[in-house]
């Protein structure tokens, strides 16, 4: 866990949530991330479907492109991502621009 925290703190990418604070309380390590909007990718897709909207092919292409660029950034820095899923891809307030951050 400590190695993962140190690694996360060394990554500087606009699509990676930054750890802003760490607390140790009752032998539990609490991490505070800088996340602008608390909706993950699955929640976004479900909300779009519930509102009668469909995510366009263009928007899907943007999501995939940003995700692949992020994976490429990590791999260039010798970091392997183990937990890429819809639950840890958080959308920012700039949903119209289809931006996300990995937490």
C-alpha atoms as a PDB file:
ATOM      1  CA  UNK A   1       0.000   0.000   0.000  1.00  0.00           C
ATOM      2  CA  UNK A   2       2.793   2.441   0.876  1.00  0.00           C
ATOM      3  CA  UNK A   3       4.518   1.804  -2.460  1.00  0.00           C
ATOM      4  CA  UNK A   4       1.254   2.497  -4.285  1.00  0.00           C
ATOM      5  CA  UNK A   5       0.806   5.778  -2.402  1.00  0.00           C
ATOM      6  CA  UNK A   6       4.355   6.904  -3.161  1.00  0.00           C
ATOM      7  CA  UNK A   7       3.881   5.949  -6.786  1.00  0.00           C
ATOM      8  CA  UNK A   8       0.577   7.832  -7.013  1.00  0.00           C
ATOM      9  CA  UNK A   9       2.162  10.936  -5.491  1.00  0.00           C
ATOM     10  CA  UNK A  10       4.909  10.831  -8.139  1.00  0.00           C
ATOM     11  CA  UNK A  11       2.489  10.775 -11.100  1.00  0.00           C
ATOM     12  CA  UNK A  12       1.662  14.114 -12.684  1.00  0.00           C
ATOM     13  CA  UNK A  13      -1.005  13.750 -15.335  1.00  0.00           C
ATOM     14  CA  UNK A  14      -4.152  15.815 -15.797  1.00  0.00           C
ATOM     15  CA  UNK A  15      -6.269  12.651 -15.861  1.00  0.00           C
ATOM     16  CA  UNK A  16      -4.978  11.225 -12.582  1.00  0.00           C
ATOM     17  CA  UNK A  17      -6.552  12.259  -9.281  1.00  0.00           C
ATOM     18  CA  UNK A  18      -4.001  13.720  -6.930  1.00  0.00           C
ATOM     19  CA  UNK A  19      -3.657  12.680  -3.290  1.00  0.00           C
ATOM     20  CA  UNK A  20      -3.960  15.946  -1.385  1.00  0.00           C
ATOM     21  CA  UNK A  21      -3.867  14.703   2.212  1.00  0.00           C
ATOM     22  CA  UNK A  22      -3.078  11.567   4.175  1.00  0.00           C
ATOM     23  CA  UNK A  23      -4.199  10.828   7.727  1.00  0.00           C
ATOM     24  CA  UNK A  24      -3.466   7.987  10.075  1.00  0.00           C
ATOM     25  CA  UNK A  25      -6.386   7.386  12.404  1.00  0.00           C
ATOM     26  CA  UNK A  26      -6.868   4.306  14.610  1.00  0.00           C
ATOM     27  CA  UNK A  27      -4.290   2.406  12.531  1.00  0.00           C
ATOM     28  CA  UNK A  28      -6.211   3.226   9.324  1.00  0.00           C
ATOM     29  CA  UNK A  29      -4.621   5.226   6.538  1.00  0.00           C
ATOM     30  CA  UNK A  30      -7.105   7.697   5.079  1.00  0.00           C
ATOM     31  CA  UNK A  31      -6.318   9.154   1.661  1.00  0.00           C
ATOM     32  CA  UNK A  32      -7.990  12.298   0.368  1.00  0.00           C
ATOM     33  CA  UNK A  33      -8.017  12.672  -3.405  1.00  0.00           C
ATOM     34  CA  UNK A  34      -8.618  15.784  -5.468  1.00  0.00           C
ATOM     35  CA  UNK A  35     -11.714  14.734  -7.412  1.00  0.00           C
ATOM     36  CA  UNK A  36     -13.909  17.436  -8.895  1.00  0.00           C
ATOM     37  CA  UNK A  37     -17.045  15.402  -9.416  1.00  0.00           C
ATOM     38  CA  UNK A  38     -18.088  12.186  -7.741  1.00  0.00           C
ATOM     39  CA  UNK A  39     -19.751  10.356 -10.609  1.00  0.00           C
ATOM     40  CA  UNK A  40     -17.991   7.344 -12.052  1.00  0.00           C
ATOM     41  CA  UNK A  41     -18.245   6.235 -15.669  1.00  0.00           C
ATOM     42  CA  UNK A  42     -20.936   3.611 -15.039  1.00  0.00           C
ATOM     43  CA  UNK A  43     -23.108   6.108 -13.143  1.00  0.00           C
ATOM     44  CA  UNK A  44     -22.748   8.549 -16.018  1.00  0.00           C
ATOM     45  CA  UNK A  45     -23.765   5.960 -18.608  1.00  0.00           C
ATOM     46  CA  UNK A  46     -26.757   4.800 -16.540  1.00  0.00           C
ATOM     47  CA  UNK A  47     -27.891   8.408 -15.999  1.00  0.00           C
ATOM     48  CA  UNK A  48     -27.608   9.101 -19.712  1.00  0.00           C
ATOM     49  CA  UNK A  49     -29.705   6.028 -20.480  1.00  0.00           C
ATOM     50  CA  UNK A  50     -32.288   6.901 -17.791  1.00  0.00           C
ATOM     51  CA  UNK A  51     -32.678  10.395 -19.235  1.00  0.00           C
ATOM     52  CA  UNK A  52     -33.369   8.903 -22.664  1.00  0.00           C
ATOM     53  CA  UNK A  53     -29.998   9.923 -24.084  1.00  0.00           C
ATOM     54  CA  UNK A  54     -27.513   7.629 -25.686  1.00  0.00           C
ATOM     55  CA  UNK A  55     -23.790   8.204 -25.560  1.00  0.00           C
ATOM     56  CA  UNK A  56     -22.639   8.989 -29.080  1.00  0.00           C
ATOM     57  CA  UNK A  57     -19.925   7.130 -30.937  1.00  0.00           C
ATOM     58  CA  UNK A  58     -17.889  10.348 -30.843  1.00  0.00           C
ATOM     59  CA  UNK A  59     -18.124  10.505 -27.030  1.00  0.00           C
ATOM     60  CA  UNK A  60     -17.134   6.830 -26.758  1.00  0.00           C
ATOM     61  CA  UNK A  61     -14.155   7.533 -28.996  1.00  0.00           C
ATOM     62  CA  UNK A  62     -13.123  10.432 -26.725  1.00  0.00           C
ATOM     63  CA  UNK A  63     -13.360   8.290 -23.593  1.00  0.00           C
ATOM     64  CA  UNK A  64     -11.350   5.485 -25.184  1.00  0.00           C
ATOM     65  CA  UNK A  65      -8.739   7.868 -26.556  1.00  0.00           C
ATOM     66  CA  UNK A  66      -8.228   9.542 -23.167  1.00  0.00           C
ATOM     67  CA  UNK A  67      -8.048   6.186 -21.404  1.00  0.00           C
ATOM     68  CA  UNK A  68      -5.533   4.761 -23.880  1.00  0.00           C
ATOM     69  CA  UNK A  69      -3.392   7.911 -23.628  1.00  0.00           C
ATOM     70  CA  UNK A  70      -3.436   7.529 -19.852  1.00  0.00           C
ATOM     71  CA  UNK A  71      -2.422   3.861 -20.059  1.00  0.00           C
ATOM     72  CA  UNK A  72       0.375   4.843 -22.458  1.00  0.00           C
ATOM     73  CA  UNK A  73       1.586   7.495 -19.984  1.00  0.00           C
ATOM     74  CA  UNK A  74       1.695   4.944 -17.158  1.00  0.00           C
ATOM     75  CA  UNK A  75       3.475   2.338 -19.260  1.00  0.00           C
ATOM     76  CA  UNK A  76       6.084   4.882 -20.384  1.00  0.00           C
ATOM     77  CA  UNK A  77       6.772   5.449 -16.696  1.00  0.00           C
ATOM     78  CA  UNK A  78       7.036   1.700 -16.013  1.00  0.00           C
ATOM     79  CA  UNK A  79       3.748   1.593 -14.106  1.00  0.00           C
ATOM     80  CA  UNK A  80       1.260  -1.243 -14.615  1.00  0.00           C
ATOM     81  CA  UNK A  81      -2.396  -0.419 -13.986  1.00  0.00           C
ATOM     82  CA  UNK A  82      -4.163  -3.230 -12.154  1.00  0.00           C
ATOM     83  CA  UNK A  83      -7.597  -1.767 -11.568  1.00  0.00           C
ATOM     84  CA  UNK A  84      -8.998  -0.139 -14.669  1.00  0.00           C
ATOM     85  CA  UNK A  85     -12.755  -0.298 -14.308  1.00  0.00           C
ATOM     86  CA  UNK A  86     -15.847   1.839 -14.619  1.00  0.00           C
ATOM     87  CA  UNK A  87     -15.869   2.323 -10.833  1.00  0.00           C
ATOM     88  CA  UNK A  88     -12.521   4.094 -10.675  1.00  0.00           C
ATOM     89  CA  UNK A  89     -12.903   6.289 -13.743  1.00  0.00           C
ATOM     90  CA  UNK A  90     -14.419   9.453 -12.300  1.00  0.00           C
ATOM     91  CA  UNK A  91     -15.949  12.166 -14.427  1.00  0.00           C
ATOM     92  CA  UNK A  92     -15.040  15.770 -13.748  1.00  0.00           C
ATOM     93  CA  UNK A  93     -17.389  18.749 -13.797  1.00  0.00           C
ATOM     94  CA  UNK A  94     -16.416  19.172 -17.425  1.00  0.00           C
ATOM     95  CA  UNK A  95     -18.702  16.316 -18.406  1.00  0.00           C
ATOM     96  CA  UNK A  96     -19.533  18.125 -21.623  1.00  0.00           C
ATOM     97  CA  UNK A  97     -15.892  17.687 -22.602  1.00  0.00           C
ATOM     98  CA  UNK A  98     -16.021  14.029 -21.512  1.00  0.00           C
ATOM     99  CA  UNK A  99     -13.025  14.324 -19.235  1.00  0.00           C
ATOM    100  CA  UNK A 100     -12.273  11.782 -16.535  1.00  0.00           C
ATOM    101  CA  UNK A 101      -9.765  11.070 -13.828  1.00  0.00           C
ATOM    102  CA  UNK A 102      -8.475   7.755 -12.647  1.00  0.00           C
ATOM    103  CA  UNK A 103      -8.721   7.244  -8.906  1.00  0.00           C
END
